[in-house]
Amino acid sequence: MAKELQRLLEEEGLKVIMTRTDEGGLYQESSNNKKVEDMRKRCEVIAEAKPVFTVSIHQNSYPEESVKGAQVFYYGQSQEGKKLAETLQKAMVEQLDPQNHRQAKANESYYLLKKTPSPTVIVECGFLSNSEEAALLATEDYQKKVAKAVKAGILEYLGPTGNESRLENN
């Protein structure tokens, strides 16, 4: 989904920087704590790139199989992060599942949200613990639909002035 989103955004003239482009993590095999090292390296890539904002794509899970629906998280201290999250959440509900009543949600503990200098959101595209949603997330068509919804939210967040600045920066 992230690579499809990258393709769609680049077609719109946006510059996209990926923190990784394959399944591998950003850590040394010999690392004592691969997850912490991976998160630190991602934050370094983001800080160095100085993006307008950061969107991190994920899949969710929960102990109860019935829980489902895309949801976007943001750092509670970031008003721009909240605005981006709410815009993305709205686009995902409209384009993926109008029955999804989840709201963009503040989170004060996610490392990536706290440690990045730009407004950052985590897009949980759905629950792998829900068999129905997991089956959808496994299909290329649905993955493209998710990427299109996230793209629509990003373009709405950027607004008309974002469109003009994208063209000027090409």
N, C-alpha and C. Protein backbone atom coordinates (compact mmCIF):
# COMPACT_ATOMS: atom_id res chain seq x y z
N MET A 1 0.82 -1.19 0.00
CA MET A 1 0.00 0.00 0.00
C MET A 1 0.86 1.25 0.00
N ALA A 2 1.95 1.21 0.75
CA ALA A 2 2.83 2.38 0.82
C ALA A 2 3.45 2.68 -0.54
N LYS A 3 3.86 1.65 -1.27
CA LYS A 3 4.45 1.87 -2.59
C LYS A 3 3.41 2.39 -3.58
N GLU A 4 2.19 1.89 -3.49
CA GLU A 4 1.12 2.39 -4.35
C GLU A 4 0.81 3.84 -4.01
N LEU A 5 0.77 4.17 -2.73
CA LEU A 5 0.55 5.55 -2.31
C LEU A 5 1.67 6.45 -2.83
N GLN A 6 2.90 5.97 -2.73
CA GLN A 6 4.04 6.73 -3.26
C GLN A 6 3.83 7.02 -4.75
N ARG A 7 3.46 6.00 -5.50
CA ARG A 7 3.26 6.16 -6.95
C ARG A 7 2.16 7.20 -7.22
N LEU A 8 1.05 7.09 -6.51
CA LEU A 8 -0.07 8.01 -6.72
C LEU A 8 0.31 9.45 -6.38
N LEU A 9 1.03 9.63 -5.30
CA LEU A 9 1.42 10.99 -4.89
C LEU A 9 2.45 11.59 -5.84
N GLU A 10 3.38 10.76 -6.31
CA GLU A 10 4.37 11.26 -7.27
C GLU A 10 3.71 11.64 -8.59
N GLU A 11 2.64 10.93 -8.98
CA GLU A 11 1.88 11.31 -10.17
C GLU A 11 1.28 12.70 -10.01
N GLU A 12 0.99 13.09 -8.77
CA GLU A 12 0.44 14.41 -8.47
C GLU A 12 1.52 15.48 -8.34
N GLY A 13 2.78 15.07 -8.50
CA GLY A 13 3.88 16.02 -8.41
C GLY A 13 4.45 16.19 -7.01
N LEU A 14 4.03 15.37 -6.07
CA LEU A 14 4.57 15.45 -4.71
C LEU A 14 5.88 14.67 -4.63
N LYS A 15 6.78 15.17 -3.83
CA LYS A 15 8.03 14.46 -3.55
C LYS A 15 7.77 13.56 -2.34
N VAL A 16 8.05 12.27 -2.50
CA VAL A 16 7.82 11.30 -1.43
C VAL A 16 9.15 10.67 -1.04
N ILE A 17 9.40 10.62 0.25
CA ILE A 17 10.60 9.95 0.75
C ILE A 17 10.13 8.79 1.62
N MET A 18 10.58 7.60 1.27
CA MET A 18 10.21 6.40 2.02
C MET A 18 11.28 6.13 3.08
N THR A 19 10.85 5.74 4.27
CA THR A 19 11.83 5.38 5.30
C THR A 19 12.40 3.99 5.02
N ARG A 20 11.64 3.17 4.30
CA ARG A 20 12.15 1.88 3.83
C ARG A 20 11.34 1.47 2.61
N THR A 21 11.93 0.63 1.78
CA THR A 21 11.27 0.24 0.53
C THR A 21 11.09 -1.26 0.39
N ASP A 22 11.41 -2.00 1.44
CA ASP A 22 11.19 -3.45 1.40
C ASP A 22 10.76 -3.92 2.79
N GLU A 23 10.65 -5.22 2.95
CA GLU A 23 10.17 -5.80 4.21
C GLU A 23 11.19 -5.70 5.35
N GLY A 24 12.43 -5.44 5.01
CA GLY A 24 13.49 -5.40 6.02
C GLY A 24 13.38 -4.20 6.94
N GLY A 25 13.87 -4.37 8.15
CA GLY A 25 13.88 -3.27 9.11
C GLY A 25 15.16 -2.45 8.99
N LEU A 26 15.17 -1.31 9.64
CA LEU A 26 16.33 -0.42 9.64
C LEU A 26 17.15 -0.66 10.90
N TYR A 27 17.76 -1.83 10.99
CA TYR A 27 18.54 -2.20 12.17
C TYR A 27 19.63 -3.18 11.76
N GLN A 28 20.61 -3.29 12.63
CA GLN A 28 21.68 -4.27 12.44
C GLN A 28 21.17 -5.62 12.96
N GLU A 29 21.52 -6.69 12.29
CA GLU A 29 21.11 -8.02 12.74
C GLU A 29 21.60 -8.31 14.16
N SER A 30 22.73 -7.73 14.51
CA SER A 30 23.32 -7.98 15.83
C SER A 30 22.70 -7.11 16.93
N SER A 31 21.77 -6.24 16.58
CA SER A 31 21.18 -5.32 17.54
C SER A 31 20.46 -6.06 18.67
N ASN A 32 20.61 -5.53 19.89
CA ASN A 32 19.92 -6.10 21.05
C ASN A 32 18.43 -5.79 21.04
N ASN A 33 18.07 -4.62 20.48
CA ASN A 33 16.66 -4.24 20.42
C ASN A 33 16.36 -3.71 19.02
N LYS A 34 16.02 -4.60 18.12
CA LYS A 34 15.81 -4.25 16.71
C LYS A 34 14.69 -3.23 16.53
N LYS A 35 13.60 -3.38 17.27
CA LYS A 35 12.47 -2.47 17.12
C LYS A 35 12.85 -1.03 17.49
N VAL A 36 13.56 -0.86 18.60
CA VAL A 36 13.98 0.49 19.02
C VAL A 36 14.95 1.08 18.00
N GLU A 37 15.92 0.28 17.55
CA GLU A 37 16.87 0.77 16.55
C GLU A 37 16.15 1.15 15.25
N ASP A 38 15.20 0.33 14.83
CA ASP A 38 14.43 0.60 13.62
C ASP A 38 13.68 1.93 13.75
N MET A 39 13.01 2.14 14.86
CA MET A 39 12.25 3.37 15.07
C MET A 39 13.17 4.59 15.11
N ARG A 40 14.30 4.48 15.77
CA ARG A 40 15.26 5.60 15.81
C ARG A 40 15.74 5.95 14.41
N LYS A 41 16.06 4.93 13.63
CA LYS A 41 16.56 5.18 12.26
C LYS A 41 15.47 5.82 11.40
N ARG A 42 14.23 5.36 11.56
CA ARG A 42 13.14 5.99 10.80
C ARG A 42 13.01 7.46 11.17
N CYS A 43 13.11 7.75 12.45
CA CYS A 43 13.04 9.15 12.90
C CYS A 43 14.20 9.97 12.34
N GLU A 44 15.38 9.38 12.25
CA GLU A 44 16.53 10.06 11.66
C GLU A 44 16.28 10.39 10.19
N VAL A 45 15.74 9.42 9.44
CA VAL A 45 15.43 9.65 8.02
C VAL A 45 14.43 10.80 7.89
N ILE A 46 13.41 10.79 8.73
CA ILE A 46 12.38 11.83 8.68
C ILE A 46 12.97 13.19 9.05
N ALA A 47 13.76 13.24 10.11
CA ALA A 47 14.36 14.52 10.53
C ALA A 47 15.28 15.09 9.45
N GLU A 48 16.05 14.22 8.81
CA GLU A 48 16.96 14.66 7.76
C GLU A 48 16.20 15.16 6.53
N ALA A 49 15.08 14.53 6.20
CA ALA A 49 14.31 14.89 5.01
C ALA A 49 13.53 16.20 5.20
N LYS A 50 13.22 16.55 6.46
CA LYS A 50 12.45 17.76 6.76
C LYS A 50 11.14 17.83 5.96
N PRO A 51 10.30 16.81 6.07
CA PRO A 51 9.05 16.82 5.29
C PRO A 51 8.02 17.79 5.85
N VAL A 52 7.04 18.11 5.03
CA VAL A 52 5.91 18.93 5.47
C VAL A 52 5.12 18.15 6.51
N PHE A 53 4.99 16.84 6.30
CA PHE A 53 4.33 15.94 7.24
C PHE A 53 4.78 14.52 6.93
N THR A 54 4.46 13.61 7.84
CA THR A 54 4.83 12.21 7.69
C THR A 54 3.59 11.34 7.85
N VAL A 55 3.42 10.38 6.94
CA VAL A 55 2.34 9.40 7.01
C VAL A 55 2.98 8.03 7.10
N SER A 56 2.67 7.31 8.17
CA SER A 56 3.21 5.97 8.37
C SER A 56 2.06 4.97 8.22
N ILE A 57 2.22 4.02 7.30
CA ILE A 57 1.16 3.05 6.96
C ILE A 57 1.35 1.77 7.77
N HIS A 58 0.27 1.32 8.40
CA HIS A 58 0.31 0.11 9.24
C HIS A 58 -0.97 -0.71 9.09
N GLN A 59 -0.94 -1.91 9.65
CA GLN A 59 -2.13 -2.75 9.81
C GLN A 59 -2.29 -2.98 11.30
N ASN A 60 -3.51 -2.98 11.77
CA ASN A 60 -3.81 -3.09 13.18
C ASN A 60 -4.15 -4.53 13.57
N SER A 61 -4.22 -4.78 14.86
CA SER A 61 -4.73 -6.06 15.37
C SER A 61 -5.29 -5.82 16.76
N TYR A 62 -6.17 -6.73 17.18
CA TYR A 62 -6.83 -6.60 18.48
C TYR A 62 -7.25 -7.99 18.92
N PRO A 63 -7.26 -8.26 20.21
CA PRO A 63 -7.63 -9.60 20.67
C PRO A 63 -9.04 -10.06 20.26
N GLU A 64 -9.97 -9.12 20.10
CA GLU A 64 -11.33 -9.49 19.71
C GLU A 64 -11.47 -9.42 18.19
N GLU A 65 -11.86 -10.54 17.58
CA GLU A 65 -11.95 -10.66 16.13
C GLU A 65 -12.97 -9.69 15.51
N SER A 66 -13.96 -9.28 16.27
CA SER A 66 -15.02 -8.43 15.72
C SER A 66 -14.58 -6.99 15.47
N VAL A 67 -13.49 -6.57 16.08
CA VAL A 67 -13.03 -5.18 15.94
C VAL A 67 -12.46 -4.97 14.54
N LYS A 68 -12.92 -3.90 13.88
CA LYS A 68 -12.44 -3.61 12.52
C LYS A 68 -12.53 -2.12 12.23
N GLY A 69 -11.97 -1.71 11.09
CA GLY A 69 -12.07 -0.33 10.65
C GLY A 69 -10.76 0.43 10.66
N ALA A 70 -10.55 1.17 9.60
CA ALA A 70 -9.35 2.01 9.50
C ALA A 70 -9.40 3.12 10.55
N GLN A 71 -8.23 3.47 11.07
CA GLN A 71 -8.15 4.55 12.06
C GLN A 71 -6.80 5.24 11.96
N VAL A 72 -6.81 6.55 12.15
CA VAL A 72 -5.60 7.35 12.04
C VAL A 72 -5.26 7.93 13.42
N PHE A 73 -3.99 7.79 13.80
CA PHE A 73 -3.50 8.29 15.08
C PHE A 73 -2.56 9.48 14.86
N TYR A 74 -2.56 10.40 15.83
CA TYR A 74 -1.69 11.57 15.78
C TYR A 74 -1.18 11.87 17.19
N TYR A 75 -0.10 12.63 17.27
CA TYR A 75 0.44 13.05 18.56
C TYR A 75 -0.47 14.15 19.10
N GLY A 76 -0.96 13.99 20.31
CA GLY A 76 -1.92 14.90 20.90
C GLY A 76 -1.45 16.34 21.02
N GLN A 77 -0.14 16.57 21.06
CA GLN A 77 0.40 17.92 21.19
C GLN A 77 0.51 18.64 19.84
N SER A 78 0.16 17.95 18.75
CA SER A 78 0.34 18.51 17.41
C SER A 78 -1.01 18.87 16.78
N GLN A 79 -1.28 20.17 16.68
CA GLN A 79 -2.53 20.60 16.05
C GLN A 79 -2.54 20.26 14.55
N GLU A 80 -1.39 20.41 13.89
CA GLU A 80 -1.33 20.05 12.47
C GLU A 80 -1.46 18.54 12.28
N GLY A 81 -0.87 17.77 13.20
CA GLY A 81 -1.03 16.32 13.15
C GLY A 81 -2.49 15.93 13.31
N LYS A 82 -3.18 16.60 14.20
CA LYS A 82 -4.61 16.34 14.41
C LYS A 82 -5.40 16.67 13.15
N LYS A 83 -5.11 17.81 12.55
CA LYS A 83 -5.81 18.23 11.33
C LYS A 83 -5.57 17.21 10.20
N LEU A 84 -4.33 16.78 10.03
CA LEU A 84 -4.00 15.79 9.01
C LEU A 84 -4.72 14.48 9.30
N ALA A 85 -4.68 14.02 10.55
CA ALA A 85 -5.31 12.76 10.93
C ALA A 85 -6.82 12.80 10.67
N GLU A 86 -7.46 13.89 11.06
CA GLU A 86 -8.91 14.01 10.86
C GLU A 86 -9.27 14.02 9.38
N THR A 87 -8.45 14.67 8.57
CA THR A 87 -8.70 14.72 7.13
C THR A 87 -8.53 13.34 6.51
N LEU A 88 -7.48 12.63 6.90
CA LEU A 88 -7.26 11.27 6.39
C LEU A 88 -8.36 10.32 6.87
N GLN A 89 -8.75 10.43 8.14
CA GLN A 89 -9.80 9.56 8.68
C GLN A 89 -11.09 9.75 7.89
N LYS A 90 -11.45 10.99 7.63
CA LYS A 90 -12.67 11.30 6.87
C LYS A 90 -12.63 10.67 5.48
N ALA A 91 -11.50 10.82 4.79
CA ALA A 91 -11.36 10.26 3.44
C ALA A 91 -11.45 8.74 3.47
N MET A 92 -10.85 8.12 4.47
CA MET A 92 -10.86 6.66 4.54
C MET A 92 -12.26 6.13 4.84
N VAL A 93 -12.98 6.80 5.73
CA VAL A 93 -14.36 6.38 6.02
C VAL A 93 -15.21 6.52 4.75
N GLU A 94 -15.11 7.68 4.10
CA GLU A 94 -15.93 7.92 2.90
C GLU A 94 -15.62 6.94 1.78
N GLN A 95 -14.36 6.63 1.57
CA GLN A 95 -13.98 5.83 0.41
C GLN A 95 -13.86 4.33 0.67
N LEU A 96 -13.71 3.94 1.94
CA LEU A 96 -13.51 2.51 2.23
C LEU A 96 -14.71 1.87 2.94
N ASP A 97 -15.27 2.56 3.92
CA ASP A 97 -16.32 1.96 4.73
C ASP A 97 -17.13 3.03 5.45
N PRO A 98 -18.21 3.50 4.82
CA PRO A 98 -19.04 4.53 5.46
C PRO A 98 -19.63 4.09 6.81
N GLN A 99 -19.63 2.79 7.10
CA GLN A 99 -20.13 2.28 8.38
C GLN A 99 -19.08 2.37 9.48
N ASN A 100 -17.85 2.73 9.12
CA ASN A 100 -16.76 2.86 10.09
C ASN A 100 -16.98 4.15 10.89
N HIS A 101 -17.20 3.99 12.19
CA HIS A 101 -17.45 5.17 13.03
C HIS A 101 -16.23 5.57 13.86
N ARG A 102 -15.08 5.01 13.52
CA ARG A 102 -13.86 5.38 14.23
C ARG A 102 -13.51 6.83 13.93
N GLN A 103 -12.88 7.48 14.90
CA GLN A 103 -12.44 8.86 14.76
C GLN A 103 -10.91 8.89 14.81
N ALA A 104 -10.32 9.91 14.24
CA ALA A 104 -8.88 10.13 14.42
C ALA A 104 -8.64 10.22 15.92
N LYS A 105 -7.53 9.65 16.37
CA LYS A 105 -7.32 9.53 17.82
C LYS A 105 -5.92 9.99 18.21
N ALA A 106 -5.86 10.79 19.28
CA ALA A 106 -4.57 11.22 19.82
C ALA A 106 -3.89 10.05 20.51
N ASN A 107 -2.58 10.02 20.42
CA ASN A 107 -1.80 9.00 21.11
C ASN A 107 -0.51 9.65 21.59
N GLU A 108 -0.25 9.54 22.85
CA GLU A 108 0.93 10.17 23.43
C GLU A 108 2.11 9.21 23.58
N SER A 109 1.91 7.93 23.26
CA SER A 109 2.97 6.96 23.55
C SER A 109 3.68 6.41 22.30
N TYR A 110 3.11 6.52 21.11
CA TYR A 110 3.77 5.98 19.92
C TYR A 110 5.06 6.74 19.65
N TYR A 111 6.14 6.02 19.63
CA TYR A 111 7.48 6.60 19.48
C TYR A 111 7.55 7.52 18.26
N LEU A 112 7.10 7.03 17.12
CA LEU A 112 7.21 7.78 15.87
C LEU A 112 6.44 9.10 15.96
N LEU A 113 5.30 9.10 16.62
CA LEU A 113 4.51 10.33 16.75
C LEU A 113 5.22 11.35 17.63
N LYS A 114 5.86 10.88 18.69
CA LYS A 114 6.51 11.77 19.66
C LYS A 114 7.86 12.29 19.17
N LYS A 115 8.58 11.50 18.40
CA LYS A 115 9.99 11.78 18.13
C LYS A 115 10.27 12.36 16.74
N THR A 116 9.24 12.72 15.99
CA THR A 116 9.47 13.31 14.67
C THR A 116 9.19 14.81 14.73
N PRO A 117 10.00 15.61 14.02
CA PRO A 117 9.84 17.06 14.08
C PRO A 117 8.64 17.58 13.28
N SER A 118 8.19 16.82 12.29
CA SER A 118 7.06 17.26 11.47
C SER A 118 5.77 16.62 11.98
N PRO A 119 4.61 17.21 11.62
CA PRO A 119 3.36 16.55 11.97
C PRO A 119 3.38 15.11 11.40
N THR A 120 3.07 14.15 12.23
CA THR A 120 3.15 12.75 11.85
C THR A 120 1.87 12.04 12.23
N VAL A 121 1.41 11.18 11.32
CA VAL A 121 0.23 10.36 11.61
C VAL A 121 0.55 8.90 11.31
N ILE A 122 -0.13 8.03 12.03
CA ILE A 122 -0.04 6.59 11.77
C ILE A 122 -1.40 6.17 11.24
N VAL A 123 -1.41 5.66 10.02
CA VAL A 123 -2.64 5.20 9.39
C VAL A 123 -2.72 3.69 9.56
N GLU A 124 -3.66 3.26 10.39
CA GLU A 124 -3.94 1.84 10.56
C GLU A 124 -5.03 1.52 9.54
N CYS A 125 -4.66 0.81 8.48
CA CYS A 125 -5.54 0.59 7.33
C CYS A 125 -6.66 -0.40 7.61
N GLY A 126 -6.53 -1.17 8.66
CA GLY A 126 -7.54 -2.15 9.02
C GLY A 126 -6.96 -3.14 10.00
N PHE A 127 -7.79 -4.07 10.45
CA PHE A 127 -7.40 -5.04 11.46
C PHE A 127 -7.12 -6.41 10.84
N LEU A 128 -5.87 -6.85 10.95
CA LEU A 128 -5.51 -8.19 10.48
C LEU A 128 -6.14 -9.27 11.37
N SER A 129 -6.54 -8.89 12.57
CA SER A 129 -7.18 -9.83 13.50
C SER A 129 -8.66 -10.05 13.18
N ASN A 130 -9.21 -9.28 12.24
CA ASN A 130 -10.57 -9.46 11.78
C ASN A 130 -10.49 -10.19 10.44
N SER A 131 -11.00 -11.41 10.37
CA SER A 131 -10.82 -12.24 9.17
C SER A 131 -11.38 -11.59 7.91
N GLU A 132 -12.52 -10.91 8.03
CA GLU A 132 -13.12 -10.23 6.88
C GLU A 132 -12.22 -9.12 6.36
N GLU A 133 -11.74 -8.30 7.28
CA GLU A 133 -10.89 -7.17 6.90
C GLU A 133 -9.52 -7.66 6.43
N ALA A 134 -9.00 -8.69 7.08
CA ALA A 134 -7.70 -9.25 6.67
C ALA A 134 -7.77 -9.77 5.24
N ALA A 135 -8.89 -10.40 4.89
CA ALA A 135 -9.05 -10.91 3.52
C ALA A 135 -9.07 -9.76 2.52
N LEU A 136 -9.75 -8.68 2.87
CA LEU A 136 -9.76 -7.49 1.99
C LEU A 136 -8.35 -6.92 1.85
N LEU A 137 -7.67 -6.74 2.99
CA LEU A 137 -6.33 -6.14 2.98
C LEU A 137 -5.32 -6.96 2.18
N ALA A 138 -5.61 -8.24 1.99
CA ALA A 138 -4.70 -9.11 1.24
C ALA A 138 -4.87 -8.98 -0.27
N THR A 139 -5.93 -8.30 -0.72
CA THR A 139 -6.17 -8.18 -2.16
C THR A 139 -5.55 -6.91 -2.73
N GLU A 140 -5.03 -7.04 -3.92
CA GLU A 140 -4.40 -5.88 -4.59
C GLU A 140 -5.42 -4.77 -4.83
N ASP A 141 -6.64 -5.13 -5.22
CA ASP A 141 -7.67 -4.12 -5.49
C ASP A 141 -7.96 -3.28 -4.25
N TYR A 142 -8.10 -3.93 -3.11
CA TYR A 142 -8.39 -3.20 -1.88
C TYR A 142 -7.19 -2.37 -1.44
N GLN A 143 -6.00 -2.90 -1.60
CA GLN A 143 -4.80 -2.14 -1.27
C GLN A 143 -4.74 -0.85 -2.09
N LYS A 144 -5.09 -0.95 -3.37
CA LYS A 144 -5.11 0.25 -4.22
C LYS A 144 -6.19 1.22 -3.77
N LYS A 145 -7.32 0.67 -3.35
CA LYS A 145 -8.42 1.51 -2.86
C LYS A 145 -7.99 2.26 -1.59
N VAL A 146 -7.28 1.58 -0.70
CA VAL A 146 -6.76 2.23 0.51
C VAL A 146 -5.79 3.35 0.13
N ALA A 147 -4.86 3.05 -0.77
CA ALA A 147 -3.88 4.05 -1.19
C ALA A 147 -4.57 5.27 -1.80
N LYS A 148 -5.61 5.04 -2.61
CA LYS A 148 -6.35 6.16 -3.20
C LYS A 148 -7.06 6.99 -2.14
N ALA A 149 -7.59 6.33 -1.11
CA ALA A 149 -8.26 7.07 -0.03
C ALA A 149 -7.25 7.92 0.74
N VAL A 150 -6.08 7.37 1.04
CA VAL A 150 -5.05 8.13 1.75
C VAL A 150 -4.58 9.29 0.88
N LYS A 151 -4.39 9.04 -0.38
CA LYS A 151 -3.99 10.12 -1.31
C LYS A 151 -5.03 11.23 -1.31
N ALA A 152 -6.31 10.87 -1.38
CA ALA A 152 -7.38 11.88 -1.38
C ALA A 152 -7.32 12.72 -0.11
N GLY A 153 -7.09 12.08 1.03
CA GLY A 153 -6.98 12.82 2.28
C GLY A 153 -5.78 13.75 2.30
N ILE A 154 -4.66 13.28 1.77
CA ILE A 154 -3.46 14.11 1.72
C ILE A 154 -3.69 15.32 0.83
N LEU A 155 -4.28 15.11 -0.33
CA LEU A 155 -4.53 16.23 -1.24
C LEU A 155 -5.51 17.23 -0.63
N GLU A 156 -6.51 16.72 0.08
CA GLU A 156 -7.45 17.62 0.75
C GLU A 156 -6.74 18.42 1.84
N TYR A 157 -5.87 17.75 2.60
CA TYR A 157 -5.11 18.42 3.65
C TYR A 157 -4.24 19.54 3.06
N LEU A 158 -3.60 19.25 1.94
CA LEU A 158 -2.73 20.25 1.32
C LEU A 158 -3.54 21.41 0.75
N GLY A 159 -4.75 21.14 0.29
CA GLY A 159 -5.63 22.17 -0.24
C GLY A 159 -5.10 22.79 -1.52
N PRO A 160 -5.80 23.80 -2.03
CA PRO A 160 -5.42 24.42 -3.31
C PRO A 160 -4.02 25.02 -3.28
N THR A 161 -3.61 25.61 -2.16
CA THR A 161 -2.26 26.20 -2.12
C THR A 161 -1.20 25.11 -2.16
N GLY A 162 -1.52 23.95 -1.61
CA GLY A 162 -0.60 22.82 -1.68
C GLY A 162 -0.40 22.38 -3.12
N ASN A 163 -1.48 22.43 -3.92
CA ASN A 163 -1.38 22.05 -5.33
C ASN A 163 -0.44 22.99 -6.07
N GLU A 164 -0.58 24.30 -5.80
CA GLU A 164 0.29 25.27 -6.47
C GLU A 164 1.75 25.09 -6.07
N SER A 165 2.00 24.87 -4.78
CA SER A 165 3.40 24.73 -4.34
C SER A 165 4.01 23.45 -4.88
N ARG A 166 3.19 22.40 -5.04
CA ARG A 166 3.71 21.15 -5.61
C ARG A 166 4.22 21.39 -7.02
N LEU A 167 3.46 22.17 -7.79
CA LEU A 167 3.87 22.41 -9.17
C LEU A 167 5.12 23.26 -9.23
N GLU A 168 5.25 24.21 -8.34
CA GLU A 168 6.42 25.09 -8.33
C GLU A 168 7.69 24.33 -7.93
N ASN A 169 7.56 23.30 -7.12
CA ASN A 169 8.73 22.60 -6.62
C ASN A 169 9.20 21.46 -7.51
N ASN A 170 8.56 21.24 -8.64
CA ASN A 170 8.98 20.13 -9.53
C ASN A 170 10.23 20.47 -10.30
